Amino acid sequence: MSEDSTDSDFEVRVIEEEDKSSVIDLARRFFNRDEPLNEYIGLTGPDGKCSDLEAYILSTLEEGTSVKAVADGKLVAFSMNGIVGKDDPNEKSYVDSPKFQMILDFLLYNTVQCDIFGKYPDIDKAMTVKILSVDPCMRGRGVATKLVDETRRIAIDKGCKLMYVECTSHFSAQIMKRLGFEKIYSLKYSDYKVDGKVIFNPKQPHEEYTVYVQKL
């Protein structure tokens, strides 16, 4: 996936409450089915629906920190972002979907192991990019770059000194690396086991979970 060129045929804006259905529609068509872990465990059916995942996607919407790309009046990409505080507890979430619970457990495990604020003890809050999704028809036009740029601007405006991205996809990790983010943590999927069993084995080239950061 390339994001090297830029286009002027789209606009980047903050996501509003009325954008919920458009965000979920785009997620169902692409992210919900194609994200490596979702795909591997068959999280959704052909319709791309998973209510627990969709609640997770929208969970930070009210913070006013998530952004979208709009082309010809249509939402074609989004970055769901949120602010995390140093003293926020790392609590386990419980959902109805056993498959999505597996993913939440995996994310929590890595949050604890990575220990962002332990690595940056002088930072009290950070902006996290939870989910970044671009309609395939818009890839290669610099959309992801513009979404990250706008997220960075909002983060600075909100007083965040750090921005970080948890990447479950090889492609999203490559984008963050190219945008100047630094990899501070990684875990190969083959090394994550529950009761001695490997839980995730997504198809190539998705071999590891990574965390990329950028000081602001």
C-alpha atoms as a PDB file:
ATOM      1  CA  MET A   1       0.000   0.000   0.000  1.00  0.00           C
ATOM      2  CA  SER A   2       1.515   3.322  -1.040  1.00  0.00           C
ATOM      3  CA  GLU A   3       0.704   6.731   0.373  1.00  0.00           C
ATOM      4  CA  ASP A   4       3.522   8.668  -1.259  1.00  0.00           C
ATOM      5  CA  SER A   5       1.550  10.989  -3.506  1.00  0.00           C
ATOM      6  CA  THR A   6      -0.927  13.630  -2.427  1.00  0.00           C
ATOM      7  CA  ASP A   7      -4.186  14.748  -3.962  1.00  0.00           C
ATOM      8  CA  SER A   8      -6.462  17.726  -3.518  1.00  0.00           C
ATOM      9  CA  ASP A   9      -9.665  15.810  -4.273  1.00  0.00           C
ATOM     10  CA  PHE A  10     -10.444  15.062  -0.630  1.00  0.00           C
ATOM     11  CA  GLU A  11     -10.904  17.024   2.567  1.00  0.00           C
ATOM     12  CA  VAL A  12      -9.932  16.067   6.118  1.00  0.00           C
ATOM     13  CA  ARG A  13     -12.311  17.012   8.927  1.00  0.00           C
ATOM     14  CA  VAL A  14     -13.126  16.061  12.513  1.00  0.00           C
ATOM     15  CA  ILE A  15     -15.670  13.242  12.788  1.00  0.00           C
ATOM     16  CA  GLU A  16     -19.024  14.349  14.155  1.00  0.00           C
ATOM     17  CA  GLU A  17     -21.880  12.457  15.798  1.00  0.00           C
ATOM     18  CA  GLU A  18     -23.813  12.376  12.532  1.00  0.00           C
ATOM     19  CA  ASP A  19     -20.930  10.506  10.872  1.00  0.00           C
ATOM     20  CA  LYS A  20     -21.489   7.336  12.919  1.00  0.00           C
ATOM     21  CA  SER A  21     -23.352   5.416  10.236  1.00  0.00           C
ATOM     22  CA  SER A  22     -20.843   6.386   7.525  1.00  0.00           C
ATOM     23  CA  VAL A  23     -17.923   5.289   9.703  1.00  0.00           C
ATOM     24  CA  ILE A  24     -19.543   1.941  10.428  1.00  0.00           C
ATOM     25  CA  ASP A  25     -20.488   1.458   6.777  1.00  0.00           C
ATOM     26  CA  LEU A  26     -16.867   1.947   5.701  1.00  0.00           C
ATOM     27  CA  ALA A  27     -15.630  -0.280   8.532  1.00  0.00           C
ATOM     28  CA  ARG A  28     -17.997  -3.080   7.527  1.00  0.00           C
ATOM     29  CA  ARG A  29     -16.881  -2.953   3.921  1.00  0.00           C
ATOM     30  CA  PHE A  30     -13.147  -3.029   4.639  1.00  0.00           C
ATOM     31  CA  PHE A  31     -11.575  -2.907   8.113  1.00  0.00           C
ATOM     32  CA  ASN A  32     -13.947  -5.286   9.913  1.00  0.00           C
ATOM     33  CA  ARG A  33     -13.275  -8.072   7.419  1.00  0.00           C
ATOM     34  CA  ASP A  34      -9.738  -7.293   6.223  1.00  0.00           C
ATOM     35  CA  GLU A  35      -7.821  -6.419   9.403  1.00  0.00           C
ATOM     36  CA  PRO A  36      -5.414  -9.375   9.849  1.00  0.00           C
ATOM     37  CA  LEU A  37      -6.651 -10.614  13.230  1.00  0.00           C
ATOM     38  CA  ASN A  38     -10.314 -10.123  12.337  1.00  0.00           C
ATOM     39  CA  GLU A  39      -9.801 -12.037   9.114  1.00  0.00           C
ATOM     40  CA  TYR A  40      -7.832 -14.863  10.717  1.00  0.00           C
ATOM     41  CA  ILE A  41     -10.434 -15.682  13.363  1.00  0.00           C
ATOM     42  CA  GLY A  42     -13.410 -14.990  11.099  1.00  0.00           C
ATOM     43  CA  LEU A  43     -14.708 -12.255  13.362  1.00  0.00           C
ATOM     44  CA  THR A  44     -17.431 -11.185  10.946  1.00  0.00           C
ATOM     45  CA  GLY A  45     -19.545 -12.767   8.264  1.00  0.00           C
ATOM     46  CA  PRO A  46     -19.661 -11.557   4.632  1.00  0.00           C
ATOM     47  CA  ASP A  47     -21.630  -8.511   5.785  1.00  0.00           C
ATOM     48  CA  GLY A  48     -18.707  -7.354   7.940  1.00  0.00           C
ATOM     49  CA  LYS A  49     -20.913  -6.882  10.994  1.00  0.00           C
ATOM     50  CA  CYS A  50     -19.770  -7.283  14.609  1.00  0.00           C
ATOM     51  CA  SER A  51     -21.596  -5.143  17.151  1.00  0.00           C
ATOM     52  CA  ASP A  52     -18.849  -5.364  19.781  1.00  0.00           C
ATOM     53  CA  LEU A  53     -16.180  -4.315  17.288  1.00  0.00           C
ATOM     54  CA  GLU A  54     -18.342  -1.450  16.074  1.00  0.00           C
ATOM     55  CA  ALA A  55     -18.899  -0.220  19.634  1.00  0.00           C
ATOM     56  CA  TYR A  56     -15.113  -0.316  20.080  1.00  0.00           C
ATOM     57  CA  ILE A  57     -14.585   1.660  16.873  1.00  0.00           C
ATOM     58  CA  LEU A  58     -16.971   4.393  18.046  1.00  0.00           C
ATOM     59  CA  SER A  59     -15.889   4.401  21.700  1.00  0.00           C
ATOM     60  CA  THR A  60     -13.788   7.586  21.461  1.00  0.00           C
ATOM     61  CA  LEU A  61     -16.049   9.489  19.067  1.00  0.00           C
ATOM     62  CA  GLU A  62     -17.336  11.889  21.727  1.00  0.00           C
ATOM     63  CA  GLU A  63     -13.790  13.072  22.479  1.00  0.00           C
ATOM     64  CA  GLY A  64     -13.776  15.017  19.221  1.00  0.00           C
ATOM     65  CA  THR A  65     -10.311  13.714  18.344  1.00  0.00           C
ATOM     66  CA  SER A  66     -11.156  11.363  15.457  1.00  0.00           C
ATOM     67  CA  VAL A  67     -10.846  12.498  11.840  1.00  0.00           C
ATOM     68  CA  LYS A  68     -12.224  11.571   8.431  1.00  0.00           C
ATOM     69  CA  ALA A  69     -11.413  12.095   4.785  1.00  0.00           C
ATOM     70  CA  VAL A  70     -14.290  13.142   2.541  1.00  0.00           C
ATOM     71  CA  ALA A  71     -14.320  12.989  -1.264  1.00  0.00           C
ATOM     72  CA  ASP A  72     -17.294  14.085  -3.342  1.00  0.00           C
ATOM     73  CA  GLY A  73     -19.330  14.370  -0.155  1.00  0.00           C
ATOM     74  CA  LYS A  74     -18.620  10.756   0.835  1.00  0.00           C
ATOM     75  CA  LEU A  75     -16.583   9.485   3.797  1.00  0.00           C
ATOM     76  CA  VAL A  76     -13.690   7.505   2.310  1.00  0.00           C
ATOM     77  CA  ALA A  77     -11.326   7.092   5.266  1.00  0.00           C
ATOM     78  CA  PHE A  78     -11.193   7.530   9.013  1.00  0.00           C
ATOM     79  CA  SER A  79      -8.782   7.593  11.913  1.00  0.00           C
ATOM     80  CA  MET A  80     -10.452   6.809  15.233  1.00  0.00           C
ATOM     81  CA  ASN A  81      -8.325   8.458  17.883  1.00  0.00           C
ATOM     82  CA  GLY A  82      -8.412   8.899  21.640  1.00  0.00           C
ATOM     83  CA  ILE A  83      -6.483  10.493  24.477  1.00  0.00           C
ATOM     84  CA  VAL A  84      -4.968   8.162  27.075  1.00  0.00           C
ATOM     85  CA  GLY A  85      -3.810   9.433  30.465  1.00  0.00           C
ATOM     86  CA  LYS A  86      -0.852   8.217  32.485  1.00  0.00           C
ATOM     87  CA  ASP A  87      -3.069   7.227  35.403  1.00  0.00           C
ATOM     88  CA  ASP A  88      -5.822   5.584  33.352  1.00  0.00           C
ATOM     89  CA  PRO A  89      -6.282   1.982  34.571  1.00  0.00           C
ATOM     90  CA  ASN A  90      -5.569  -0.926  32.239  1.00  0.00           C
ATOM     91  CA  GLU A  91      -8.837  -2.732  32.889  1.00  0.00           C
ATOM     92  CA  LYS A  92     -10.026  -5.833  31.072  1.00  0.00           C
ATOM     93  CA  SER A  93     -13.138  -5.289  28.983  1.00  0.00           C
ATOM     94  CA  TYR A  94     -15.760  -7.997  28.604  1.00  0.00           C
ATOM     95  CA  VAL A  95     -17.909  -8.305  25.475  1.00  0.00           C
ATOM     96  CA  ASP A  96     -20.492 -10.759  24.177  1.00  0.00           C
ATOM     97  CA  SER A  97     -18.422 -11.922  21.194  1.00  0.00           C
ATOM     98  CA  PRO A  98     -15.894 -14.604  22.298  1.00  0.00           C
ATOM     99  CA  LYS A  99     -13.842 -13.949  19.174  1.00  0.00           C
ATOM    100  CA  PHE A 100     -13.605 -10.205  19.753  1.00  0.00           C
ATOM    101  CA  GLN A 101     -12.819 -10.910  23.419  1.00  0.00           C
ATOM    102  CA  MET A 102      -9.744 -12.799  22.202  1.00  0.00           C
ATOM    103  CA  ILE A 103      -8.590  -9.671  20.385  1.00  0.00           C
ATOM    104  CA  LEU A 104      -9.293  -7.411  23.375  1.00  0.00           C
ATOM    105  CA  ASP A 105      -7.310  -9.764  25.630  1.00  0.00           C
ATOM    106  CA  PHE A 106      -4.424  -9.656  23.169  1.00  0.00           C
ATOM    107  CA  LEU A 107      -4.484  -5.847  23.019  1.00  0.00           C
ATOM    108  CA  LEU A 108      -4.572  -5.557  26.813  1.00  0.00           C
ATOM    109  CA  TYR A 109      -1.651  -7.972  27.145  1.00  0.00           C
ATOM    110  CA  ASN A 110       0.416  -5.825  24.815  1.00  0.00           C
ATOM    111  CA  THR A 111      -0.643  -2.567  26.477  1.00  0.00           C
ATOM    112  CA  VAL A 112       0.724  -3.875  29.776  1.00  0.00           C
ATOM    113  CA  GLN A 113       3.885  -5.298  28.221  1.00  0.00           C
ATOM    114  CA  CYS A 114       4.643  -2.197  26.156  1.00  0.00           C
ATOM    115  CA  ASP A 115       4.040   0.180  29.108  1.00  0.00           C
ATOM    116  CA  ILE A 116       4.031   3.435  27.147  1.00  0.00           C
ATOM    117  CA  PHE A 117       4.079   5.730  30.161  1.00  0.00           C
ATOM    118  CA  GLY A 118       6.752   3.647  31.850  1.00  0.00           C
ATOM    119  CA  LYS A 119       8.958   4.297  28.837  1.00  0.00           C
ATOM    120  CA  TYR A 120       8.098   8.018  28.866  1.00  0.00           C
ATOM    121  CA  PRO A 121       7.655   8.895  32.569  1.00  0.00           C
ATOM    122  CA  ASP A 122       7.682  12.634  31.867  1.00  0.00           C
ATOM    123  CA  ILE A 123       4.544  12.402  29.710  1.00  0.00           C
ATOM    124  CA  ASP A 124       1.097  12.563  31.333  1.00  0.00           C
ATOM    125  CA  LYS A 125      -1.162  11.971  28.334  1.00  0.00           C
ATOM    126  CA  ALA A 126      -0.856  10.744  24.782  1.00  0.00           C
ATOM    127  CA  MET A 127      -2.924  10.589  21.633  1.00  0.00           C
ATOM    128  CA  THR A 128      -3.493   7.082  20.339  1.00  0.00           C
ATOM    129  CA  VAL A 129      -4.570   6.164  16.820  1.00  0.00           C
ATOM    130  CA  LYS A 130      -6.897   3.229  17.491  1.00  0.00           C
ATOM    131  CA  ILE A 131      -8.040   2.398  13.971  1.00  0.00           C
ATOM    132  CA  LEU A 132      -6.979   3.828  10.624  1.00  0.00           C
ATOM    133  CA  SER A 133      -8.930   2.705   7.569  1.00  0.00           C
ATOM    134  CA  VAL A 134      -8.845   3.948   3.984  1.00  0.00           C
ATOM    135  CA  ASP A 135     -11.175   2.921   1.169  1.00  0.00           C
ATOM    136  CA  PRO A 136      -8.983   1.008  -1.344  1.00  0.00           C
ATOM    137  CA  CYS A 137     -10.128   3.352  -4.116  1.00  0.00           C
ATOM    138  CA  MET A 138      -8.406   6.227  -2.257  1.00  0.00           C
ATOM    139  CA  ARG A 139      -5.111   4.526  -1.449  1.00  0.00           C
ATOM    140  CA  GLY A 140      -1.970   6.001  -2.943  1.00  0.00           C
ATOM    141  CA  ARG A 141      -3.290   9.569  -2.659  1.00  0.00           C
ATOM    142  CA  GLY A 142      -1.759  10.569   0.654  1.00  0.00           C
ATOM    143  CA  VAL A 143      -4.986  10.098   2.599  1.00  0.00           C
ATOM    144  CA  ALA A 144      -3.402   8.259   5.542  1.00  0.00           C
ATOM    145  CA  THR A 145      -0.679  10.915   5.731  1.00  0.00           C
ATOM    146  CA  LYS A 146      -3.246  13.709   5.919  1.00  0.00           C
ATOM    147  CA  LEU A 147      -5.255  11.879   8.581  1.00  0.00           C
ATOM    148  CA  VAL A 148      -2.133  11.402  10.684  1.00  0.00           C
ATOM    149  CA  ASP A 149      -1.139  15.054  10.176  1.00  0.00           C
ATOM    150  CA  GLU A 150      -4.550  16.253  11.374  1.00  0.00           C
ATOM    151  CA  THR A 151      -4.469  13.841  14.328  1.00  0.00           C
ATOM    152  CA  ARG A 152      -1.065  15.227  15.277  1.00  0.00           C
ATOM    153  CA  ARG A 153      -2.413  18.781  15.111  1.00  0.00           C
ATOM    154  CA  ILE A 154      -5.329  17.893  17.380  1.00  0.00           C
ATOM    155  CA  ALA A 155      -3.009  16.080  19.782  1.00  0.00           C
ATOM    156  CA  ILE A 156      -0.791  19.127  20.137  1.00  0.00           C
ATOM    157  CA  ASP A 157      -3.851  21.351  20.580  1.00  0.00           C
ATOM    158  CA  LYS A 158      -5.059  19.036  23.377  1.00  0.00           C
ATOM    159  CA  GLY A 159      -1.716  19.212  25.161  1.00  0.00           C
ATOM    160  CA  CYS A 160      -0.480  15.720  24.292  1.00  0.00           C
ATOM    161  CA  LYS A 161       3.281  15.302  24.176  1.00  0.00           C
ATOM    162  CA  LEU A 162       3.231  11.897  22.505  1.00  0.00           C
ATOM    163  CA  MET A 163       1.310  10.134  19.755  1.00  0.00           C
ATOM    164  CA  TYR A 164       1.310   6.370  19.381  1.00  0.00           C
ATOM    165  CA  VAL A 165      -0.143   3.761  17.056  1.00  0.00           C
ATOM    166  CA  GLU A 166      -0.741   0.074  17.735  1.00  0.00           C
ATOM    167  CA  CYS A 167      -0.298  -1.774  14.442  1.00  0.00           C
ATOM    168  CA  THR A 168      -1.692  -5.256  13.905  1.00  0.00           C
ATOM    169  CA  SER A 169      -1.031  -4.985  10.163  1.00  0.00           C
ATOM    170  CA  HIS A 170       2.324  -5.001   8.401  1.00  0.00           C
ATOM    171  CA  PHE A 171       1.034  -2.313   6.047  1.00  0.00           C
ATOM    172  CA  SER A 172      -0.034   0.135   8.753  1.00  0.00           C
ATOM    173  CA  ALA A 173       3.326  -0.394  10.467  1.00  0.00           C
ATOM    174  CA  GLN A 174       5.125   0.482   7.224  1.00  0.00           C
ATOM    175  CA  ILE A 175       3.078   3.676   6.912  1.00  0.00           C
ATOM    176  CA  MET A 176       3.953   4.777  10.459  1.00  0.00           C
ATOM    177  CA  LYS A 177       7.614   4.014   9.878  1.00  0.00           C
ATOM    178  CA  ARG A 178       7.611   6.070   6.702  1.00  0.00           C
ATOM    179  CA  LEU A 179       5.935   8.968   8.516  1.00  0.00           C
ATOM    180  CA  GLY A 180       8.818   9.153  10.967  1.00  0.00           C
ATOM    181  CA  PHE A 181       7.349   7.208  13.882  1.00  0.00           C
ATOM    182  CA  GLU A 182       9.705   5.066  15.969  1.00  0.00           C
ATOM    183  CA  LYS A 183       9.012   1.411  16.752  1.00  0.00           C
ATOM    184  CA  ILE A 184       9.308   0.859  20.506  1.00  0.00           C
ATOM    185  CA  TYR A 185       7.643  -2.520  20.923  1.00  0.00           C
ATOM    186  CA  SER A 186       6.862  -5.644  18.930  1.00  0.00           C
ATOM    187  CA  LEU A 187       5.517  -9.118  19.565  1.00  0.00           C
ATOM    188  CA  LYS A 188       5.473 -11.878  16.973  1.00  0.00           C
ATOM    189  CA  TYR A 189       2.072 -13.498  16.712  1.00  0.00           C
ATOM    190  CA  SER A 190       3.733 -16.899  17.037  1.00  0.00           C
ATOM    191  CA  ASP A 191       5.030 -15.861  20.478  1.00  0.00           C
ATOM    192  CA  TYR A 192       1.621 -14.992  21.910  1.00  0.00           C
ATOM    193  CA  LYS A 193       0.107 -18.099  23.463  1.00  0.00           C
ATOM    194  CA  VAL A 194      -2.771 -18.896  25.795  1.00  0.00           C
ATOM    195  CA  ASP A 195      -2.516 -22.209  27.642  1.00  0.00           C
ATOM    196  CA  GLY A 196       0.433 -23.051  25.413  1.00  0.00           C
ATOM    197  CA  LYS A 197      -1.504 -22.499  22.195  1.00  0.00           C
ATOM    198  CA  VAL A 198      -0.770 -19.905  19.508  1.00  0.00           C
ATOM    199  CA  ILE A 199      -3.927 -17.823  19.156  1.00  0.00           C
ATOM    200  CA  PHE A 200      -3.278 -15.777  16.012  1.00  0.00           C
ATOM    201  CA  ASN A 201      -1.562 -16.856  12.818  1.00  0.00           C
ATOM    202  CA  PRO A 202      -2.625 -14.311  10.183  1.00  0.00           C
ATOM    203  CA  LYS A 203      -1.492 -14.641   6.603  1.00  0.00           C
ATOM    204  CA  GLN A 204       1.759 -13.107   5.354  1.00  0.00           C
ATOM    205  CA  PRO A 205       3.177 -10.525   5.578  1.00  0.00           C
ATOM    206  CA  HIS A 206       1.462  -9.935   8.949  1.00  0.00           C
ATOM    207  CA  GLU A 207       3.893 -11.493  11.437  1.00  0.00           C
ATOM    208  CA  GLU A 208       3.855  -9.183  14.432  1.00  0.00           C
ATOM    209  CA  TYR A 209       2.056  -6.583  16.499  1.00  0.00           C
ATOM    210  CA  THR A 210       4.012  -3.331  16.808  1.00  0.00           C
ATOM    211  CA  VAL A 211       3.749   0.004  18.583  1.00  0.00           C
ATOM    212  CA  TYR A 212       5.063   3.156  16.896  1.00  0.00           C
ATOM    213  CA  VAL A 213       5.469   6.484  18.687  1.00  0.00           C
ATOM    214  CA  GLN A 214       6.287  10.068  17.881  1.00  0.00           C
ATOM    215  CA  LYS A 215       7.052  12.791  20.413  1.00  0.00           C
ATOM    216  CA  LEU A 216       5.194  16.023  19.796  1.00  0.00           C
END
